[in-house]
């Protein structure tokens, strides 16, 4: 079961959007070392990584699906959903998440 207080778990089960890519946020206030990572990602010659900037910082999107994301007749599902998933997955979405279509406030 999803442990996030910002999601209706019954609507979450077959979307798969959060597992099709992964994002890391960087604030404009982050250290030079962290912001240099953003600059490095911009230099990579791939369509699988995109850097988006907004008023508060950067979002680095890795367009690489999770290996446990599978499909069936009903849509997407996680093959380890009821097993030991990473904490990041169990608690997604977070209060600051902007890309979840099922997030509740």
Protein backbone atom coordinates (compact mmCIF):
# COMPACT_ATOMS: atom_id res chain seq x y z
CA UNK A 1 0.00 0.00 0.00
CA UNK A 2 1.17 3.50 -0.72
CA UNK A 3 2.04 5.39 2.48
CA UNK A 4 1.76 8.93 1.09
CA UNK A 5 -0.92 11.10 2.68
CA UNK A 6 -1.15 13.01 -0.60
CA UNK A 7 -2.61 10.20 -2.73
CA UNK A 8 -5.81 8.24 -3.09
CA UNK A 9 -4.25 4.75 -3.35
CA UNK A 10 -7.21 3.28 -5.26
CA UNK A 11 -6.62 5.75 -8.12
CA UNK A 12 -2.87 5.22 -8.05
CA UNK A 13 -2.69 1.53 -8.81
CA UNK A 14 -2.72 1.46 -12.65
CA UNK A 15 -1.39 4.84 -13.81
CA UNK A 16 2.36 4.13 -13.90
CA UNK A 17 3.28 7.73 -14.69
CA UNK A 18 5.59 8.05 -11.67
CA UNK A 19 7.48 4.92 -12.73
CA UNK A 20 8.01 5.87 -16.39
CA UNK A 21 10.56 8.49 -15.42
CA UNK A 22 12.35 9.81 -12.36
CA UNK A 23 12.94 13.43 -11.34
CA UNK A 24 15.41 15.09 -9.01
CA UNK A 25 14.89 18.67 -7.86
CA UNK A 26 17.66 21.20 -7.31
CA UNK A 27 17.10 24.60 -5.72
CA UNK A 28 18.80 27.73 -7.02
CA UNK A 29 20.10 27.95 -3.44
CA UNK A 30 21.87 24.55 -3.57
CA UNK A 31 25.65 24.36 -3.28
CA UNK A 32 27.89 24.91 -6.28
CA UNK A 33 28.68 21.18 -6.25
CA UNK A 34 25.02 20.20 -6.55
CA UNK A 35 24.34 22.79 -9.23
CA UNK A 36 27.38 21.56 -11.19
CA UNK A 37 25.55 18.21 -11.45
CA UNK A 38 22.74 20.03 -13.28
CA UNK A 39 25.27 21.56 -15.67
CA UNK A 40 26.76 18.12 -16.30
CA UNK A 41 23.34 16.64 -17.08
CA UNK A 42 22.78 19.41 -19.63
CA UNK A 43 25.98 18.37 -21.43
CA UNK A 44 25.04 14.72 -21.88
CA UNK A 45 24.16 13.79 -25.44
CA UNK A 46 20.92 11.90 -24.80
CA UNK A 47 17.16 12.37 -25.10
CA UNK A 48 16.71 10.32 -21.93
CA UNK A 49 17.66 13.19 -19.61
CA UNK A 50 16.03 16.62 -19.66
CA UNK A 51 16.68 19.62 -17.45
CA UNK A 52 13.76 21.96 -16.73
CA UNK A 53 14.18 25.27 -14.92
CA UNK A 54 11.53 27.23 -13.02
CA UNK A 55 11.53 30.15 -10.58
CA UNK A 56 12.78 28.02 -7.65
CA UNK A 57 15.37 25.81 -9.33
CA UNK A 58 15.83 22.88 -11.69
CA UNK A 59 14.15 19.54 -12.26
CA UNK A 60 16.30 16.88 -13.87
CA UNK A 61 14.09 14.25 -15.51
CA UNK A 62 15.46 10.83 -16.31
CA UNK A 63 13.18 9.26 -18.93
CA UNK A 64 14.09 5.73 -17.95
CA UNK A 65 11.26 3.49 -16.72
CA UNK A 66 11.60 1.37 -13.62
CA UNK A 67 12.40 -2.25 -14.45
CA UNK A 68 9.50 -3.36 -12.21
CA UNK A 69 6.86 -1.39 -14.17
CA UNK A 70 4.80 -3.89 -16.16
CA UNK A 71 1.60 -3.75 -18.23
CA UNK A 72 -1.55 -5.83 -18.41
CA UNK A 73 -5.10 -5.39 -19.78
CA UNK A 74 -5.93 -2.89 -17.00
CA UNK A 75 -2.89 -0.66 -17.54
CA UNK A 76 0.33 -0.52 -15.60
CA UNK A 77 1.33 -2.26 -12.41
CA UNK A 78 4.37 -2.62 -10.19
CA UNK A 79 5.57 -6.19 -9.91
CA UNK A 80 7.02 -5.50 -6.42
CA UNK A 81 4.18 -3.26 -5.11
CA UNK A 82 3.26 -5.65 -2.28
CA UNK A 83 6.87 -6.64 -1.64
CA UNK A 84 9.85 -4.57 -0.56
CA UNK A 85 9.66 -1.37 -2.60
CA UNK A 86 12.08 1.51 -2.06
CA UNK A 87 10.89 4.04 0.53
CA UNK A 88 10.86 6.68 -2.21
CA UNK A 89 8.19 4.65 -4.03
CA UNK A 90 6.12 3.89 -0.93
CA UNK A 91 5.86 7.56 0.05
CA UNK A 92 5.34 9.07 -3.42
CA UNK A 93 3.82 11.59 -4.09
CA UNK A 94 5.22 14.18 -1.73
CA UNK A 95 3.72 17.53 -0.84
CA UNK A 96 5.94 19.23 -3.45
CA UNK A 97 5.22 16.71 -6.22
CA UNK A 98 3.84 18.40 -9.33
CA UNK A 99 3.54 15.58 -11.88
CA UNK A 100 1.10 13.17 -10.19
CA UNK A 101 -2.40 13.30 -11.71
CA UNK A 102 -3.91 11.57 -8.64
CA UNK A 103 -2.39 13.78 -5.96
CA UNK A 104 -4.74 15.20 -3.36
CA UNK A 105 -3.98 18.26 -1.23
